[in-house]
PDB file of all heavy atoms in Angstrom:
ATOM      1  N   ARG A   1       0.850 -44.042  49.382  1.00  0.00           N
ATOM      2  CA  ARG A   1      -0.170 -43.207  50.044  1.00  0.00           C
ATOM      3  C   ARG A   1      -1.295 -42.801  49.104  1.00  0.00           C
ATOM      4  O   ARG A   1      -2.281 -42.215  49.532  1.00  0.00           O
ATOM      5  CB  ARG A   1       0.485 -41.944  50.594  1.00  0.00           C
ATOM      6  CG  ARG A   1       1.577 -42.241  51.595  1.00  0.00           C
ATOM      7  CD  ARG A   1       2.110 -40.994  52.237  1.00  0.00           C
ATOM      8  NE  ARG A   1       2.338 -39.904  51.296  1.00  0.00           N
ATOM      9  CZ  ARG A   1       3.383 -39.118  51.307  1.00  0.00           C
ATOM     10  NH1 ARG A   1       4.321 -39.285  52.191  1.00  0.00           N
ATOM     11  NH2 ARG A   1       3.506 -38.146  50.432  1.00  0.00           N
ATOM     12  N   TYR A   2      -1.149 -43.091  47.799  1.00  0.00           N
ATOM     13  CA  TYR A   2      -2.112 -42.603  46.804  1.00  0.00           C
ATOM     14  C   TYR A   2      -2.851 -43.732  46.102  1.00  0.00           C
ATOM     15  O   TYR A   2      -3.361 -43.551  45.013  1.00  0.00           O
ATOM     16  CB  TYR A   2      -1.384 -41.717  45.777  1.00  0.00           C
ATOM     17  CG  TYR A   2      -0.696 -40.560  46.447  1.00  0.00           C
ATOM     18  CD1 TYR A   2       0.677 -40.578  46.641  1.00  0.00           C
ATOM     19  CD2 TYR A   2      -1.427 -39.485  46.926  1.00  0.00           C
ATOM     20  CE1 TYR A   2       1.317 -39.526  47.287  1.00  0.00           C
ATOM     21  CE2 TYR A   2      -0.800 -38.435  47.562  1.00  0.00           C
ATOM     22  CZ  TYR A   2       0.576 -38.460  47.750  1.00  0.00           C
ATOM     23  OH  TYR A   2       1.196 -37.429  48.386  1.00  0.00           O
ATOM     24  N   ARG A   3      -2.957 -44.870  46.737  1.00  0.00           N
ATOM     25  CA  ARG A   3      -3.649 -46.013  46.139  1.00  0.00           C
ATOM     26  C   ARG A   3      -5.149 -45.764  46.097  1.00  0.00           C
ATOM     27  O   ARG A   3      -5.704 -45.057  46.942  1.00  0.00           O
ATOM     28  CB  ARG A   3      -3.336 -47.278  46.921  1.00  0.00           C
ATOM     29  CG  ARG A   3      -1.868 -47.642  46.758  1.00  0.00           C
ATOM     30  CD  ARG A   3      -1.555 -49.032  47.270  1.00  0.00           C
ATOM     31  NE  ARG A   3      -0.249 -49.423  46.780  1.00  0.00           N
ATOM     32  CZ  ARG A   3      -0.024 -49.969  45.603  1.00  0.00           C
ATOM     33  NH1 ARG A   3      -1.010 -50.213  44.779  1.00  0.00           N
ATOM     34  NH2 ARG A   3       1.190 -50.286  45.224  1.00  0.00           N
ATOM     35  N   ASP A   4      -5.809 -46.371  45.095  1.00  0.00           N
ATOM     36  CA  ASP A   4      -7.261 -46.214  44.971  1.00  0.00           C
ATOM     37  C   ASP A   4      -7.975 -47.104  45.998  1.00  0.00           C
ATOM     38  O   ASP A   4      -7.330 -47.805  46.784  1.00  0.00           O
ATOM     39  CB  ASP A   4      -7.727 -46.494  43.541  1.00  0.00           C
ATOM     40  CG  ASP A   4      -7.467 -47.916  43.088  1.00  0.00           C
ATOM     41  OD1 ASP A   4      -7.348 -48.830  43.926  1.00  0.00           O
ATOM     42  OD2 ASP A   4      -7.383 -48.122  41.856  1.00  0.00           O
ATOM     43  N   SER A   5      -9.295 -47.096  45.995  1.00  0.00           N
ATOM     44  CA  SER A   5     -10.075 -47.826  46.996  1.00  0.00           C
ATOM     45  C   SER A   5      -9.856 -49.338  46.915  1.00  0.00           C
ATOM     46  O   SER A   5     -10.080 -50.041  47.896  1.00  0.00           O
ATOM     47  CB  SER A   5     -11.558 -47.494  46.859  1.00  0.00           C
ATOM     48  OG  SER A   5     -12.022 -47.852  45.570  1.00  0.00           O
ATOM     49  N   ASP A   6      -9.408 -49.834  45.758  1.00  0.00           N
ATOM     50  CA  ASP A   6      -9.104 -51.259  45.609  1.00  0.00           C
ATOM     51  C   ASP A   6      -7.644 -51.569  45.947  1.00  0.00           C
ATOM     52  O   ASP A   6      -7.208 -52.707  45.805  1.00  0.00           O
ATOM     53  CB  ASP A   6      -9.382 -51.714  44.170  1.00  0.00           C
ATOM     54  CG  ASP A   6     -10.856 -51.637  43.813  1.00  0.00           C
ATOM     55  OD1 ASP A   6     -11.701 -51.838  44.713  1.00  0.00           O
ATOM     56  OD2 ASP A   6     -11.168 -51.371  42.639  1.00  0.00           O
ATOM     57  N   GLY A   7      -6.893 -50.571  46.344  1.00  0.00           N
ATOM     58  CA  GLY A   7      -5.492 -50.761  46.696  1.00  0.00           C
ATOM     59  C   GLY A   7      -4.535 -50.711  45.526  1.00  0.00           C
ATOM     60  O   GLY A   7      -3.355 -51.006  45.666  1.00  0.00           O
ATOM     61  N   GLY A   8      -5.016 -50.315  44.351  1.00  0.00           N
ATOM     62  CA  GLY A   8      -4.162 -50.274  43.166  1.00  0.00           C
ATOM     63  C   GLY A   8      -3.653 -48.881  42.849  1.00  0.00           C
ATOM     64  O   GLY A   8      -4.123 -47.880  43.405  1.00  0.00           O
ATOM     65  N   LEU A   9      -2.665 -48.860  41.976  1.00  0.00           N
ATOM     66  CA  LEU A   9      -2.136 -47.611  41.405  1.00  0.00           C
ATOM     67  C   LEU A   9      -2.202 -47.758  39.901  1.00  0.00           C
ATOM     68  O   LEU A   9      -1.726 -48.745  39.354  1.00  0.00           O
ATOM     69  CB  LEU A   9      -0.685 -47.385  41.807  1.00  0.00           C
ATOM     70  CG  LEU A   9      -0.409 -46.912  43.210  1.00  0.00           C
ATOM     71  CD1 LEU A   9       1.073 -47.004  43.521  1.00  0.00           C
ATOM     72  CD2 LEU A   9      -0.888 -45.491  43.378  1.00  0.00           C
ATOM     73  N   SER A  10      -2.769 -46.788  39.225  1.00  0.00           N
ATOM     74  CA  SER A  10      -2.931 -46.927  37.781  1.00  0.00           C
ATOM     75  C   SER A  10      -2.296 -45.777  37.007  1.00  0.00           C
ATOM     76  O   SER A  10      -2.546 -44.607  37.286  1.00  0.00           O
ATOM     77  CB  SER A  10      -4.415 -47.008  37.413  1.00  0.00           C
ATOM     78  OG  SER A  10      -4.555 -47.167  36.022  1.00  0.00           O
ATOM     79  N   PHE A  11      -1.492 -46.187  36.037  1.00  0.00           N
ATOM     80  CA  PHE A  11      -0.958 -45.292  35.019  1.00  0.00           C
ATOM     81  C   PHE A  11      -1.489 -45.746  33.655  1.00  0.00           C
ATOM     82  O   PHE A  11      -0.967 -45.371  32.620  1.00  0.00           O
ATOM     83  CB  PHE A  11       0.578 -45.325  35.011  1.00  0.00           C
ATOM     84  CG  PHE A  11       1.212 -44.677  36.206  1.00  0.00           C
ATOM     85  CD1 PHE A  11       1.396 -45.397  37.381  1.00  0.00           C
ATOM     86  CD2 PHE A  11       1.626 -43.359  36.169  1.00  0.00           C
ATOM     87  CE1 PHE A  11       1.989 -44.809  38.487  1.00  0.00           C
ATOM     88  CE2 PHE A  11       2.217 -42.763  37.268  1.00  0.00           C
ATOM     89  CZ  PHE A  11       2.392 -43.497  38.434  1.00  0.00           C
ATOM     90  N   THR A  12      -2.517 -46.575  33.656  1.00  0.00           N
ATOM     91  CA  THR A  12      -3.056 -47.173  32.442  1.00  0.00           C
ATOM     92  C   THR A  12      -3.406 -46.107  31.410  1.00  0.00           C
ATOM     93  O   THR A  12      -4.157 -45.174  31.702  1.00  0.00           O
ATOM     94  CB  THR A  12      -4.311 -48.012  32.759  1.00  0.00           C
ATOM     95  OG1 THR A  12      -3.951 -49.019  33.693  1.00  0.00           O
ATOM     96  CG2 THR A  12      -4.873 -48.657  31.511  1.00  0.00           C
ATOM     97  N   GLY A  13      -2.837 -46.262  30.217  1.00  0.00           N
ATOM     98  CA  GLY A  13      -3.146 -45.365  29.109  1.00  0.00           C
ATOM     99  C   GLY A  13      -2.490 -44.004  29.176  1.00  0.00           C
ATOM    100  O   GLY A  13      -2.738 -43.151  28.327  1.00  0.00           O
ATOM    101  N   TYR A  14      -1.630 -43.763  30.154  1.00  0.00           N
ATOM    102  CA  TYR A  14      -0.932 -42.475  30.246  1.00  0.00           C
ATOM    103  C   TYR A  14       0.114 -42.392  29.140  1.00  0.00           C
ATOM    104  O   TYR A  14       0.731 -43.386  28.774  1.00  0.00           O
ATOM    105  CB  TYR A  14      -0.244 -42.322  31.602  1.00  0.00           C
ATOM    106  CG  TYR A  14      -1.165 -41.909  32.728  1.00  0.00           C
ATOM    107  CD1 TYR A  14      -2.254 -42.682  33.107  1.00  0.00           C
ATOM    108  CD2 TYR A  14      -0.919 -40.738  33.438  1.00  0.00           C
ATOM    109  CE1 TYR A  14      -3.079 -42.303  34.152  1.00  0.00           C
ATOM    110  CE2 TYR A  14      -1.738 -40.351  34.489  1.00  0.00           C
ATOM    111  CZ  TYR A  14      -2.818 -41.141  34.842  1.00  0.00           C
ATOM    112  OH  TYR A  14      -3.630 -40.772  35.875  1.00  0.00           O
ATOM    113  N   ARG A  15       0.314 -41.193  28.628  1.00  0.00           N
ATOM    114  CA  ARG A  15       1.376 -40.916  27.663  1.00  0.00           C
ATOM    115  C   ARG A  15       2.411 -40.022  28.345  1.00  0.00           C
ATOM    116  O   ARG A  15       2.054 -39.153  29.131  1.00  0.00           O
ATOM    117  CB  ARG A  15       0.807 -40.218  26.425  1.00  0.00           C
ATOM    118  CG  ARG A  15      -0.157 -41.080  25.637  1.00  0.00           C
ATOM    119  CD  ARG A  15      -0.575 -40.439  24.322  1.00  0.00           C
ATOM    120  NE  ARG A  15      -1.179 -39.120  24.457  1.00  0.00           N
ATOM    121  CZ  ARG A  15      -2.485 -38.892  24.606  1.00  0.00           C
ATOM    122  NH1 ARG A  15      -3.339 -39.894  24.647  1.00  0.00           N
ATOM    123  NH2 ARG A  15      -2.950 -37.658  24.703  1.00  0.00           N
ATOM    124  N   PHE A  16       3.679 -40.239  28.004  1.00  0.00           N
ATOM    125  CA  PHE A  16       4.738 -39.503  28.676  1.00  0.00           C
ATOM    126  C   PHE A  16       5.571 -38.616  27.766  1.00  0.00           C
ATOM    127  O   PHE A  16       6.549 -38.045  28.201  1.00  0.00           O
ATOM    128  CB  PHE A  16       5.643 -40.472  29.449  1.00  0.00           C
ATOM    129  CG  PHE A  16       5.013 -40.958  30.724  1.00  0.00           C
ATOM    130  CD1 PHE A  16       4.260 -42.118  30.739  1.00  0.00           C
ATOM    131  CD2 PHE A  16       5.136 -40.237  31.895  1.00  0.00           C
ATOM    132  CE1 PHE A  16       3.659 -42.566  31.897  1.00  0.00           C
ATOM    133  CE2 PHE A  16       4.539 -40.663  33.072  1.00  0.00           C
ATOM    134  CZ  PHE A  16       3.808 -41.835  33.058  1.00  0.00           C
ATOM    135  N   GLY A  17       5.221 -38.465  26.515  1.00  0.00           N
ATOM    136  CA  GLY A  17       5.979 -37.576  25.635  1.00  0.00           C
ATOM    137  C   GLY A  17       7.370 -38.122  25.351  1.00  0.00           C
ATOM    138  O   GLY A  17       7.664 -39.282  25.610  1.00  0.00           O
ATOM    139  N   ASP A  18       8.248 -37.263  24.828  1.00  0.00           N
ATOM    140  CA  ASP A  18       9.568 -37.706  24.395  1.00  0.00           C
ATOM    141  C   ASP A  18      10.702 -37.305  25.327  1.00  0.00           C
ATOM    142  O   ASP A  18      11.869 -37.514  25.007  1.00  0.00           O
ATOM    143  CB  ASP A  18       9.859 -37.196  22.982  1.00  0.00           C
ATOM    144  CG  ASP A  18       9.085 -37.986  21.941  1.00  0.00           C
ATOM    145  OD1 ASP A  18       8.949 -39.213  22.104  1.00  0.00           O
ATOM    146  OD2 ASP A  18       8.613 -37.375  20.974  1.00  0.00           O
ATOM    147  N   GLY A  19      10.401 -36.744  26.465  1.00  0.00           N
ATOM    148  CA  GLY A  19      11.442 -36.441  27.438  1.00  0.00           C
ATOM    149  C   GLY A  19      11.774 -37.670  28.270  1.00  0.00           C
ATOM    150  O   GLY A  19      11.200 -38.748  28.092  1.00  0.00           O
ATOM    151  N   ASN A  20      12.704 -37.517  29.195  1.00  0.00           N
ATOM    152  CA  ASN A  20      13.032 -38.595  30.120  1.00  0.00           C
ATOM    153  C   ASN A  20      11.916 -38.729  31.145  1.00  0.00           C
ATOM    154  O   ASN A  20      11.282 -37.744  31.528  1.00  0.00           O
ATOM    155  CB  ASN A  20      14.348 -38.311  30.838  1.00  0.00           C
ATOM    156  CG  ASN A  20      15.523 -38.320  29.895  1.00  0.00           C
ATOM    157  OD1 ASN A  20      15.539 -39.033  28.904  1.00  0.00           O
ATOM    158  ND2 ASN A  20      16.523 -37.504  30.199  1.00  0.00           N
ATOM    159  N   VAL A  21      11.711 -39.962  31.614  1.00  0.00           N
ATOM    160  CA  VAL A  21      10.717 -40.240  32.650  1.00  0.00           C
ATOM    161  C   VAL A  21      11.465 -40.888  33.801  1.00  0.00           C
ATOM    162  O   VAL A  21      12.073 -41.945  33.638  1.00  0.00           O
ATOM    163  CB  VAL A  21       9.597 -41.169  32.133  1.00  0.00           C
ATOM    164  CG1 VAL A  21       8.580 -41.419  33.224  1.00  0.00           C
ATOM    165  CG2 VAL A  21       8.938 -40.568  30.896  1.00  0.00           C
ATOM    166  N   ASP A  22      11.419 -40.259  34.975  1.00  0.00           N
ATOM    167  CA  ASP A  22      12.255 -40.663  36.101  1.00  0.00           C
ATOM    168  C   ASP A  22      11.404 -41.103  37.290  1.00  0.00           C
ATOM    169  O   ASP A  22      10.708 -40.291  37.894  1.00  0.00           O
ATOM    170  CB  ASP A  22      13.147 -39.488  36.482  1.00  0.00           C
ATOM    171  CG  ASP A  22      14.124 -39.811  37.593  1.00  0.00           C
ATOM    172  OD1 ASP A  22      14.168 -40.964  38.066  1.00  0.00           O
ATOM    173  OD2 ASP A  22      14.860 -38.890  37.992  1.00  0.00           O
ATOM    174  N   PHE A  23      11.477 -42.401  37.604  1.00  0.00           N
ATOM    175  CA  PHE A  23      10.834 -42.959  38.800  1.00  0.00           C
ATOM    176  C   PHE A  23      11.908 -43.376  39.807  1.00  0.00           C
ATOM    177  O   PHE A  23      11.666 -44.221  40.655  1.00  0.00           O
ATOM    178  CB  PHE A  23       9.974 -44.175  38.430  1.00  0.00           C
ATOM    179  CG  PHE A  23       8.675 -43.845  37.752  1.00  0.00           C
ATOM    180  CD1 PHE A  23       8.601 -43.800  36.367  1.00  0.00           C
ATOM    181  CD2 PHE A  23       7.532 -43.591  38.484  1.00  0.00           C
ATOM    182  CE1 PHE A  23       7.402 -43.507  35.729  1.00  0.00           C
ATOM    183  CE2 PHE A  23       6.327 -43.293  37.855  1.00  0.00           C
ATOM    184  CZ  PHE A  23       6.264 -43.253  36.478  1.00  0.00           C
ATOM    185  N   ASN A  24      13.093 -42.810  39.731  1.00  0.00           N
ATOM    186  CA  ASN A  24      14.209 -43.173  40.594  1.00  0.00           C
ATOM    187  C   ASN A  24      13.824 -43.109  42.071  1.00  0.00           C
ATOM    188  O   ASN A  24      13.332 -42.088  42.558  1.00  0.00           O
ATOM    189  CB  ASN A  24      15.390 -42.234  40.323  1.00  0.00           C
ATOM    190  CG  ASN A  24      16.618 -42.604  41.114  1.00  0.00           C
ATOM    191  OD1 ASN A  24      16.933 -43.777  41.266  1.00  0.00           O
ATOM    192  ND2 ASN A  24      17.308 -41.603  41.624  1.00  0.00           N
ATOM    193  N   GLY A  25      14.027 -44.224  42.792  1.00  0.00           N
ATOM    194  CA  GLY A  25      13.793 -44.251  44.228  1.00  0.00           C
ATOM    195  C   GLY A  25      12.343 -44.193  44.652  1.00  0.00           C
ATOM    196  O   GLY A  25      12.048 -43.996  45.829  1.00  0.00           O
ATOM    197  N   VAL A  26      11.411 -44.394  43.735  1.00  0.00           N
ATOM    198  CA  VAL A  26       9.988 -44.355  44.065  1.00  0.00           C
ATOM    199  C   VAL A  26       9.607 -45.595  44.871  1.00  0.00           C
ATOM    200  O   VAL A  26      10.117 -46.688  44.642  1.00  0.00           O
ATOM    201  CB  VAL A  26       9.131 -44.265  42.780  1.00  0.00           C
ATOM    202  CG1 VAL A  26       7.685 -44.629  43.025  1.00  0.00           C
ATOM    203  CG2 VAL A  26       9.231 -42.872  42.192  1.00  0.00           C
ATOM    204  N   ILE A  27       8.717 -45.409  45.820  1.00  0.00           N
ATOM    205  CA  ILE A  27       8.148 -46.514  46.586  1.00  0.00           C
ATOM    206  C   ILE A  27       6.702 -46.680  46.143  1.00  0.00           C
ATOM    207  O   ILE A  27       5.893 -45.759  46.273  1.00  0.00           O
ATOM    208  CB  ILE A  27       8.204 -46.227  48.101  1.00  0.00           C
ATOM    209  CG1 ILE A  27       9.653 -46.068  48.545  1.00  0.00           C
ATOM    210  CG2 ILE A  27       7.489 -47.337  48.880  1.00  0.00           C
ATOM    211  CD1 ILE A  27       9.801 -45.540  49.960  1.00  0.00           C
ATOM    212  N   PHE A  28       6.395 -47.857  45.584  1.00  0.00           N
ATOM    213  CA  PHE A  28       5.021 -48.128  45.172  1.00  0.00           C
ATOM    214  C   PHE A  28       4.248 -48.875  46.251  1.00  0.00           C
ATOM    215  O   PHE A  28       3.028 -48.805  46.300  1.00  0.00           O
ATOM    216  CB  PHE A  28       4.996 -48.912  43.857  1.00  0.00           C
ATOM    217  CG  PHE A  28       5.330 -48.072  42.663  1.00  0.00           C
ATOM    218  CD1 PHE A  28       6.557 -48.191  42.033  1.00  0.00           C
ATOM    219  CD2 PHE A  28       4.433 -47.145  42.165  1.00  0.00           C
ATOM    220  CE1 PHE A  28       6.869 -47.423  40.924  1.00  0.00           C
ATOM    221  CE2 PHE A  28       4.742 -46.357  41.065  1.00  0.00           C
ATOM    222  CZ  PHE A  28       5.962 -46.505  40.449  1.00  0.00           C
TER     223      PHE A  28
END
């Protein structure tokens, strides 16, 4: 539901620190 005008999703260049990163069950 959050795609850009070109239909893409971008996390380009994002940093996530040293904790856990959880995308469990995500629908892209």
